[in-house]
């Protein structure tokens, strides 16, 4: 089902759901790429995996209009911000790709949490 067809979502919620899905995808890729760079990337991998799990869960809760999605939005924003800060410190293309997407996710999740 296309996001436009989910009638309980307004434009901000659709934007947030889309950002969460994109964040989950880019973080899965980043974590996989970081695994080949050794132990110095352990924190990046951990945070990317946390984002992938939390952001995808948040997207699923939003899609089904869960009463808990607003609460999870704040946590998702917090984890995405921590991951973006970590990724920003690495020069790898996959880390830098995460930063922009995660910053968008932080903003949209904070709007949903308020």
C-alpha atoms as a PDB file:
ATOM      1  CA  UNK A   1       0.000   0.000   0.000  1.00  0.00           C
ATOM      2  CA  UNK A   2       1.344   3.423  -0.888  1.00  0.00           C
ATOM      3  CA  UNK A   3       1.805   5.892   1.953  1.00  0.00           C
ATOM      4  CA  UNK A   4      -0.681   8.232   0.281  1.00  0.00           C
ATOM      5  CA  UNK A   5      -3.399   5.629   0.736  1.00  0.00           C
ATOM      6  CA  UNK A   6      -3.047   5.435   4.528  1.00  0.00           C
ATOM      7  CA  UNK A   7      -5.845   7.821   5.374  1.00  0.00           C
ATOM      8  CA  UNK A   8      -5.059   8.360   9.070  1.00  0.00           C
ATOM      9  CA  UNK A   9      -1.661   9.907   8.255  1.00  0.00           C
ATOM     10  CA  UNK A  10      -1.313  13.627   7.660  1.00  0.00           C
ATOM     11  CA  UNK A  11       1.557  15.029   5.586  1.00  0.00           C
ATOM     12  CA  UNK A  12       3.911  15.314   8.587  1.00  0.00           C
ATOM     13  CA  UNK A  13       3.216  11.720   9.601  1.00  0.00           C
ATOM     14  CA  UNK A  14       3.773  10.462   6.048  1.00  0.00           C
ATOM     15  CA  UNK A  15       7.049  12.367   5.931  1.00  0.00           C
ATOM     16  CA  UNK A  16       8.105  10.865   9.255  1.00  0.00           C
ATOM     17  CA  UNK A  17       7.155   7.329   8.234  1.00  0.00           C
ATOM     18  CA  UNK A  18       9.086   7.708   4.986  1.00  0.00           C
ATOM     19  CA  UNK A  19      12.112   9.158   6.818  1.00  0.00           C
ATOM     20  CA  UNK A  20      12.057   6.283   9.318  1.00  0.00           C
ATOM     21  CA  UNK A  21      12.020   3.686   6.561  1.00  0.00           C
ATOM     22  CA  UNK A  22      14.854   5.431   4.754  1.00  0.00           C
ATOM     23  CA  UNK A  23      16.855   5.734   7.993  1.00  0.00           C
ATOM     24  CA  UNK A  24      16.414   2.027   8.687  1.00  0.00           C
ATOM     25  CA  UNK A  25      17.632   1.126   5.215  1.00  0.00           C
ATOM     26  CA  UNK A  26      20.680   3.401   5.176  1.00  0.00           C
ATOM     27  CA  UNK A  27      21.676   2.269   8.664  1.00  0.00           C
ATOM     28  CA  UNK A  28      21.490  -1.396   7.704  1.00  0.00           C
ATOM     29  CA  UNK A  29      23.808  -0.618   4.788  1.00  0.00           C
ATOM     30  CA  UNK A  30      26.139   1.491   6.932  1.00  0.00           C
ATOM     31  CA  UNK A  31      26.401  -1.154   9.670  1.00  0.00           C
ATOM     32  CA  UNK A  32      27.216  -3.797   7.087  1.00  0.00           C
ATOM     33  CA  UNK A  33      29.886  -1.622   5.486  1.00  0.00           C
ATOM     34  CA  UNK A  34      31.357  -0.644   8.876  1.00  0.00           C
ATOM     35  CA  UNK A  35      31.811  -4.312   9.752  1.00  0.00           C
ATOM     36  CA  UNK A  36      34.652  -4.500   7.238  1.00  0.00           C
ATOM     37  CA  UNK A  37      36.499  -1.578   8.860  1.00  0.00           C
ATOM     38  CA  UNK A  38      37.368  -3.286  12.117  1.00  0.00           C
ATOM     39  CA  UNK A  39      36.795  -2.704  15.806  1.00  0.00           C
ATOM     40  CA  UNK A  40      37.119   1.084  15.611  1.00  0.00           C
ATOM     41  CA  UNK A  41      33.657   1.138  13.989  1.00  0.00           C
ATOM     42  CA  UNK A  42      31.932  -0.858  16.757  1.00  0.00           C
ATOM     43  CA  UNK A  43      29.958   2.085  18.147  1.00  0.00           C
ATOM     44  CA  UNK A  44      28.835   3.125  14.683  1.00  0.00           C
ATOM     45  CA  UNK A  45      27.630  -0.403  13.997  1.00  0.00           C
ATOM     46  CA  UNK A  46      25.757  -0.565  17.320  1.00  0.00           C
ATOM     47  CA  UNK A  47      24.017   2.759  16.780  1.00  0.00           C
ATOM     48  CA  UNK A  48      23.148   1.970  13.166  1.00  0.00           C
ATOM     49  CA  UNK A  49      21.595  -1.317  14.242  1.00  0.00           C
ATOM     50  CA  UNK A  50      19.632   0.482  16.973  1.00  0.00           C
ATOM     51  CA  UNK A  51      18.319   2.998  14.439  1.00  0.00           C
ATOM     52  CA  UNK A  52      17.389   0.265  11.974  1.00  0.00           C
ATOM     53  CA  UNK A  53      15.344  -1.544  14.622  1.00  0.00           C
ATOM     54  CA  UNK A  54      13.733   1.480  16.268  1.00  0.00           C
ATOM     55  CA  UNK A  55      13.018   3.412  13.075  1.00  0.00           C
ATOM     56  CA  UNK A  56      11.423   0.410  11.368  1.00  0.00           C
ATOM     57  CA  UNK A  57       9.331  -0.291  14.472  1.00  0.00           C
ATOM     58  CA  UNK A  58       8.251   3.338  14.622  1.00  0.00           C
ATOM     59  CA  UNK A  59       7.230   3.237  10.949  1.00  0.00           C
ATOM     60  CA  UNK A  60       5.172   0.096  11.554  1.00  0.00           C
ATOM     61  CA  UNK A  61       3.437   1.620  14.585  1.00  0.00           C
ATOM     62  CA  UNK A  62       2.624   4.767  12.630  1.00  0.00           C
ATOM     63  CA  UNK A  63       1.224   2.765   9.722  1.00  0.00           C
ATOM     64  CA  UNK A  64      -1.190   0.942  12.008  1.00  0.00           C
ATOM     65  CA  UNK A  65      -2.112   4.114  13.947  1.00  0.00           C
ATOM     66  CA  UNK A  66      -0.768   2.765  17.224  1.00  0.00           C
ATOM     67  CA  UNK A  67      -1.350   4.809  20.354  1.00  0.00           C
ATOM     68  CA  UNK A  68       2.342   4.220  21.173  1.00  0.00           C
ATOM     69  CA  UNK A  69       3.877   5.718  18.048  1.00  0.00           C
ATOM     70  CA  UNK A  70       4.063   9.225  19.514  1.00  0.00           C
ATOM     71  CA  UNK A  71       6.037   7.941  22.507  1.00  0.00           C
ATOM     72  CA  UNK A  72       8.396   6.005  20.262  1.00  0.00           C
ATOM     73  CA  UNK A  73       8.927   9.084  18.058  1.00  0.00           C
ATOM     74  CA  UNK A  74      10.923  10.791  20.808  1.00  0.00           C
ATOM     75  CA  UNK A  75      13.123   7.724  21.298  1.00  0.00           C
ATOM     76  CA  UNK A  76      13.604   7.348  17.570  1.00  0.00           C
ATOM     77  CA  UNK A  77      14.706  10.986  17.305  1.00  0.00           C
ATOM     78  CA  UNK A  78      17.165  10.517  20.160  1.00  0.00           C
ATOM     79  CA  UNK A  79      18.746   7.385  18.699  1.00  0.00           C
ATOM     80  CA  UNK A  80      18.907   8.871  15.197  1.00  0.00           C
ATOM     81  CA  UNK A  81      20.644  11.960  16.555  1.00  0.00           C
ATOM     82  CA  UNK A  82      23.221   9.880  18.433  1.00  0.00           C
ATOM     83  CA  UNK A  83      23.882   7.803  15.332  1.00  0.00           C
ATOM     84  CA  UNK A  84      24.181  10.885  13.104  1.00  0.00           C
ATOM     85  CA  UNK A  85      26.685  12.393  15.533  1.00  0.00           C
ATOM     86  CA  UNK A  86      28.724   9.164  15.469  1.00  0.00           C
ATOM     87  CA  UNK A  87      28.575   8.788  11.683  1.00  0.00           C
ATOM     88  CA  UNK A  88      29.553  12.421  11.200  1.00  0.00           C
ATOM     89  CA  UNK A  89      32.936  11.614  12.724  1.00  0.00           C
ATOM     90  CA  UNK A  90      33.787   9.078  10.011  1.00  0.00           C
ATOM     91  CA  UNK A  91      34.880   9.893   6.449  1.00  0.00           C
ATOM     92  CA  UNK A  92      33.348   6.780   4.880  1.00  0.00           C
ATOM     93  CA  UNK A  93      30.733   7.420   2.195  1.00  0.00           C
ATOM     94  CA  UNK A  94      28.234   5.137   3.907  1.00  0.00           C
ATOM     95  CA  UNK A  95      28.584   7.049   7.182  1.00  0.00           C
ATOM     96  CA  UNK A  96      28.202  10.403   5.464  1.00  0.00           C
ATOM     97  CA  UNK A  97      25.090   9.129   3.636  1.00  0.00           C
ATOM     98  CA  UNK A  98      23.622   8.275   7.032  1.00  0.00           C
ATOM     99  CA  UNK A  99      24.140  11.752   8.445  1.00  0.00           C
ATOM    100  CA  UNK A 100      21.786  13.622   6.090  1.00  0.00           C
ATOM    101  CA  UNK A 101      19.062  11.000   6.215  1.00  0.00           C
ATOM    102  CA  UNK A 102      19.268  10.691   9.990  1.00  0.00           C
ATOM    103  CA  UNK A 103      19.081  14.463  10.508  1.00  0.00           C
ATOM    104  CA  UNK A 104      15.843  14.518   8.469  1.00  0.00           C
ATOM    105  CA  UNK A 105      14.502  11.641  10.545  1.00  0.00           C
ATOM    106  CA  UNK A 106      15.357  13.451  13.788  1.00  0.00           C
ATOM    107  CA  UNK A 107      13.402  16.514  12.698  1.00  0.00           C
ATOM    108  CA  UNK A 108      10.328  14.632  11.544  1.00  0.00           C
ATOM    109  CA  UNK A 109      10.268  12.368  14.610  1.00  0.00           C
ATOM    110  CA  UNK A 110      10.507  15.393  16.915  1.00  0.00           C
ATOM    111  CA  UNK A 111       7.513  16.927  15.130  1.00  0.00           C
ATOM    112  CA  UNK A 112       5.595  13.682  15.703  1.00  0.00           C
ATOM    113  CA  UNK A 113       6.589  13.565  19.387  1.00  0.00           C
ATOM    114  CA  UNK A 114       5.319  17.068  20.091  1.00  0.00           C
END
